Amino acid sequence: MARSARCGGVPAHLPVYGCGAASSLEGPQEAYAAQALRDLNDPRAIPLLVERGVLRHFEALRHLQRGRPAYAVLVTLLEDKDGEVRWLAGYAIAESRDPALVPVVQRLARDETPKVRAEAADIGFNLPPPAFALARPALVKLLSDPEIAVRSSIAVLFASRNDKVGARAIYDLLAHEDVLEGWRQSNVVQAMQTLTGSYFGFTPGTISTPEVRRAALERLAAWITDNGERQ
């Protein structure tokens, strides 16, 4: 079988290890092997799975990268020309908690691909507190992202930390809740309740009537005024 120039997802100019051994497995065998390596939680499996393809093994890689320094090749893939590769590489290292990723978060928060920008927050919110504090300004800017999917996910993450900076974004999202998917509306309403302690009349998963929405927004606006918005 001809060997891929990228060796399963690694750029051709980068060094790879163990690719010959990995290439002996295909299809279901490869999936079973990846699961076994994941269950063993052995970091030596990371290079092998990267070589076989981030697009195939991003879930196993995320597990193996949890609490470990970000693997250099995965960090390099964050600069790939393909947005899907950048996104999955970010997903794979999101739980590494590696403080060295602060500049990566800052860069990805400006990425042209919306889901890569959202993934920047996934990485950033998993960083240790001192590193998160450095990345936070770049993530706050995403609360005004042009994409609803990005704004909503960032607002939910800030609410999960009881950080009031996302309160105005939640207000704006719920002011137009009728354009949100049911699950997204539910997430935003739940985030509001987490942050404020009240639903203000909104119901998770149910689009409000204009009258109910207007009254609920008035109560939410009053809460924001009374409690302020941390920047």
Protein backbone atom coordinates (compact mmCIF):
# COMPACT_ATOMS: atom_id res chain seq x y z
CA MET A 1 0.00 0.00 0.00
CA ALA A 2 1.37 3.40 -0.92
CA ARG A 3 2.26 5.58 2.06
CA SER A 4 0.48 8.95 2.28
CA ALA A 5 2.67 11.98 1.87
CA ARG A 6 1.13 13.32 5.07
CA CYS A 7 1.38 10.00 6.91
CA GLY A 8 -2.16 10.10 8.21
CA GLY A 9 -2.38 13.83 8.84
CA VAL A 10 1.15 14.98 9.65
CA PRO A 11 2.59 17.52 7.18
CA ALA A 12 5.19 15.95 4.94
CA HIS A 13 8.02 18.16 6.20
CA LEU A 14 7.54 17.10 9.84
CA PRO A 15 9.27 14.10 11.45
CA VAL A 16 7.08 11.08 12.20
CA TYR A 17 7.59 8.00 14.33
CA GLY A 18 6.15 4.54 14.02
CA CYS A 19 4.17 5.22 10.88
CA GLY A 20 5.31 1.99 9.27
CA ALA A 21 3.92 -0.07 12.14
CA ALA A 22 0.68 1.88 12.18
CA SER A 23 0.13 1.37 8.48
CA SER A 24 -0.29 -2.35 9.03
CA LEU A 25 -3.72 -1.70 10.55
CA GLU A 26 -6.75 -0.59 8.57
CA GLY A 27 -10.48 -0.07 9.06
CA PRO A 28 -12.03 -1.73 12.13
CA GLN A 29 -8.63 -3.02 13.30
CA GLU A 30 -7.30 0.51 13.41
CA ALA A 31 -10.35 1.70 15.37
CA TYR A 32 -9.97 -1.13 17.89
CA ALA A 33 -6.27 -0.39 18.27
CA ALA A 34 -6.95 3.31 18.81
CA GLN A 35 -9.50 2.48 21.52
CA ALA A 36 -7.06 0.14 23.22
CA LEU A 37 -4.33 2.78 23.21
CA ARG A 38 -6.78 5.32 24.59
CA ASP A 39 -7.83 2.97 27.39
CA LEU A 40 -4.20 2.35 28.31
CA ASN A 41 -3.77 6.13 28.67
CA ASP A 42 -0.17 5.79 27.52
CA PRO A 43 1.16 9.07 26.05
CA ARG A 44 3.46 7.09 23.77
CA ALA A 45 0.35 6.42 21.71
CA ILE A 46 -0.06 10.11 20.83
CA PRO A 47 2.50 10.25 17.99
CA LEU A 48 1.16 7.02 16.50
CA LEU A 49 -2.43 8.24 16.47
CA VAL A 50 -1.45 11.62 15.05
CA GLU A 51 0.40 9.88 12.26
CA ARG A 52 -2.65 7.77 11.49
CA GLY A 53 -4.79 10.87 11.21
CA VAL A 54 -6.18 13.54 13.51
CA LEU A 55 -9.42 13.46 11.52
CA ARG A 56 -9.89 9.80 12.53
CA HIS A 57 -8.53 9.78 16.07
CA PHE A 58 -9.30 13.20 17.56
CA GLU A 59 -11.41 11.73 20.38
CA ALA A 60 -8.70 9.30 21.51
CA LEU A 61 -6.10 12.05 21.19
CA ARG A 62 -8.15 14.40 23.37
CA HIS A 63 -8.27 11.74 26.06
CA LEU A 64 -4.55 11.05 25.83
CA GLN A 65 -3.65 14.75 25.85
CA ARG A 66 -5.70 15.44 28.99
CA GLY A 67 -3.43 17.08 31.55
CA ARG A 68 -0.34 16.60 29.37
CA PRO A 69 1.79 19.12 27.45
CA ALA A 70 0.41 19.72 23.98
CA TYR A 71 2.09 17.44 21.43
CA ALA A 72 4.23 19.57 19.10
CA VAL A 73 2.84 18.13 15.86
CA LEU A 74 -0.73 18.84 16.98
CA VAL A 75 0.26 22.42 17.76
CA THR A 76 1.78 22.68 14.29
CA LEU A 77 -1.45 21.39 12.75
CA LEU A 78 -3.21 24.39 14.28
CA GLU A 79 -1.64 26.36 11.43
CA ASP A 80 -2.81 23.97 8.71
CA LYS A 81 -4.48 25.62 5.71
CA ASP A 82 -7.53 23.36 6.20
CA GLY A 83 -9.92 24.76 8.84
CA GLU A 84 -11.22 21.27 9.63
CA VAL A 85 -7.69 20.13 10.51
CA ARG A 86 -7.11 23.23 12.66
CA TRP A 87 -10.38 22.62 14.47
CA LEU A 88 -9.74 18.94 15.20
CA ALA A 89 -6.15 19.60 16.27
CA GLY A 90 -7.50 22.19 18.69
CA TYR A 91 -10.14 19.76 19.91
CA ALA A 92 -7.45 17.14 20.50
CA ILE A 93 -5.38 19.39 22.80
CA ALA A 94 -8.27 21.24 24.44
CA GLU A 95 -7.90 19.49 27.80
CA SER A 96 -4.11 19.50 27.99
CA ARG A 97 -4.14 22.51 30.35
CA ASP A 98 -0.75 23.45 28.95
CA PRO A 99 0.07 27.08 29.89
CA ALA A 100 2.25 27.30 26.79
CA LEU A 101 -0.97 27.38 24.76
CA VAL A 102 -1.87 30.96 25.74
CA PRO A 103 -0.44 32.43 22.50
CA VAL A 104 -2.22 29.68 20.57
CA VAL A 105 -5.55 30.62 22.14
CA GLN A 106 -4.96 34.27 21.31
CA ARG A 107 -4.22 33.41 17.69
CA LEU A 108 -7.05 30.92 17.22
CA ALA A 109 -9.54 33.42 18.63
CA ARG A 110 -8.86 35.44 15.45
CA ASP A 111 -9.09 32.46 13.08
CA GLU A 112 -11.18 32.82 9.91
CA THR A 113 -13.09 29.61 10.65
CA PRO A 114 -15.88 30.07 13.25
CA LYS A 115 -15.57 26.66 14.89
CA VAL A 116 -11.83 27.18 15.28
CA ARG A 117 -12.56 30.42 17.13
CA ALA A 118 -14.98 28.53 19.35
CA GLU A 119 -12.34 25.86 19.93
CA ALA A 120 -9.95 28.57 21.09
CA ALA A 121 -12.33 29.07 24.02
CA ASP A 122 -12.50 25.33 24.68
CA ILE A 123 -8.71 25.33 25.03
CA GLY A 124 -8.61 28.59 26.97
CA PHE A 125 -11.24 27.72 29.55
CA ASN A 126 -9.34 24.54 30.41
CA LEU A 127 -6.10 26.40 31.17
CA PRO A 128 -4.89 26.82 34.76
CA PRO A 129 -6.09 30.12 36.33
CA PRO A 130 -2.91 32.19 35.73
CA ALA A 131 -2.79 31.14 32.07
CA PHE A 132 -6.53 31.65 31.64
CA ALA A 133 -6.18 35.19 32.97
CA LEU A 134 -3.72 35.92 30.15
CA ALA A 135 -5.99 34.38 27.51
CA ARG A 136 -9.22 35.89 28.86
CA PRO A 137 -9.11 39.24 26.97
CA ALA A 138 -8.99 37.42 23.63
CA LEU A 139 -11.94 35.25 24.69
CA VAL A 140 -14.00 38.24 25.87
CA LYS A 141 -13.79 39.63 22.34
CA LEU A 142 -15.53 36.50 21.07
CA LEU A 143 -18.68 37.52 22.94
CA SER A 144 -19.25 39.93 20.05
CA ASP A 145 -18.29 37.45 17.34
CA PRO A 146 -20.39 37.75 14.15
CA GLU A 147 -21.36 34.06 14.37
CA ILE A 148 -24.17 33.08 16.75
CA ALA A 149 -22.60 29.67 17.31
CA VAL A 150 -19.41 31.28 18.58
CA ARG A 151 -21.09 33.96 20.70
CA SER A 152 -23.43 31.49 22.35
CA SER A 153 -20.77 28.93 23.21
CA ILE A 154 -18.49 31.61 24.70
CA ALA A 155 -21.35 33.15 26.69
CA VAL A 156 -22.21 29.73 28.13
CA LEU A 157 -18.58 29.14 29.11
CA PHE A 158 -18.26 32.48 30.89
CA ALA A 159 -21.55 31.84 32.71
CA SER A 160 -20.24 28.46 33.86
CA ARG A 161 -17.58 30.43 35.77
CA ASN A 162 -20.11 32.94 37.09
CA ASP A 163 -18.26 35.59 35.11
CA LYS A 164 -20.65 38.48 34.46
CA VAL A 165 -18.80 39.60 31.35
CA GLY A 166 -21.07 37.36 29.26
CA ALA A 167 -24.34 38.72 30.66
CA ARG A 168 -24.91 41.23 27.87
CA ALA A 169 -24.22 38.58 25.22
CA ILE A 170 -26.81 36.32 26.86
CA TYR A 171 -29.31 39.18 26.81
CA ASP A 172 -28.69 39.82 23.12
CA LEU A 173 -29.00 36.13 22.26
CA LEU A 174 -32.28 35.74 24.12
CA ALA A 175 -33.63 38.92 22.58
CA HIS A 176 -33.54 36.92 19.34
CA GLU A 177 -34.18 33.47 20.79
CA ASP A 178 -36.58 32.70 17.96
CA VAL A 179 -33.62 32.28 15.58
CA LEU A 180 -31.81 29.85 17.91
CA GLU A 181 -32.02 26.09 17.57
CA GLY A 182 -33.95 24.53 20.45
CA TRP A 183 -30.86 23.01 22.06
CA ARG A 184 -28.91 26.27 21.75
CA GLN A 185 -31.74 28.31 23.24
CA SER A 186 -31.89 25.81 26.10
CA ASN A 187 -28.14 26.10 26.71
CA VAL A 188 -28.27 29.89 26.76
CA VAL A 189 -31.25 29.97 29.12
CA GLN A 190 -29.57 27.48 31.45
CA ALA A 191 -26.39 29.58 31.32
CA MET A 192 -28.41 32.66 32.29
CA GLN A 193 -29.88 30.77 35.25
CA THR A 194 -26.42 29.61 36.31
CA LEU A 195 -25.13 33.17 36.19
CA THR A 196 -28.10 34.98 37.72
CA GLY A 197 -29.97 32.36 39.73
CA SER A 198 -33.19 33.02 37.81
CA TYR A 199 -34.90 32.12 34.56
CA PHE A 200 -36.74 35.49 34.55
CA GLY A 201 -39.64 33.83 32.74
CA PHE A 202 -37.67 32.08 29.99
CA THR A 203 -38.13 28.32 29.56
CA PRO A 204 -35.24 26.12 28.37
CA GLY A 205 -36.04 24.60 24.99
CA THR A 206 -39.21 26.63 24.50
CA ILE A 207 -39.37 29.85 22.48
CA SER A 208 -41.21 32.53 24.44
CA THR A 209 -44.13 34.52 23.12
CA PRO A 210 -43.20 38.14 22.35
CA GLU A 211 -44.95 39.34 25.51
CA VAL A 212 -43.22 36.83 27.79
CA ARG A 213 -39.87 37.54 26.15
CA ARG A 214 -40.26 41.29 26.58
CA ALA A 215 -41.02 40.95 30.29
CA ALA A 216 -38.21 38.44 30.83
CA LEU A 217 -35.70 40.68 29.07
CA GLU A 218 -36.73 43.61 31.25
CA ARG A 219 -36.00 41.56 34.36
CA LEU A 220 -32.69 40.36 32.95
CA ALA A 221 -31.70 43.92 32.01
CA ALA A 222 -32.48 45.07 35.55
CA TRP A 223 -30.26 42.29 36.92
CA ILE A 224 -27.41 43.36 34.65
CA THR A 225 -27.80 46.98 35.76
CA ASP A 226 -27.86 46.03 39.44
CA ASN A 227 -24.97 43.57 39.27
CA GLY A 228 -22.68 45.23 36.76
CA GLU A 229 -20.62 43.57 34.06
CA ARG A 230 -17.07 42.57 34.76
CA GLN A 231 -14.77 43.32 31.83
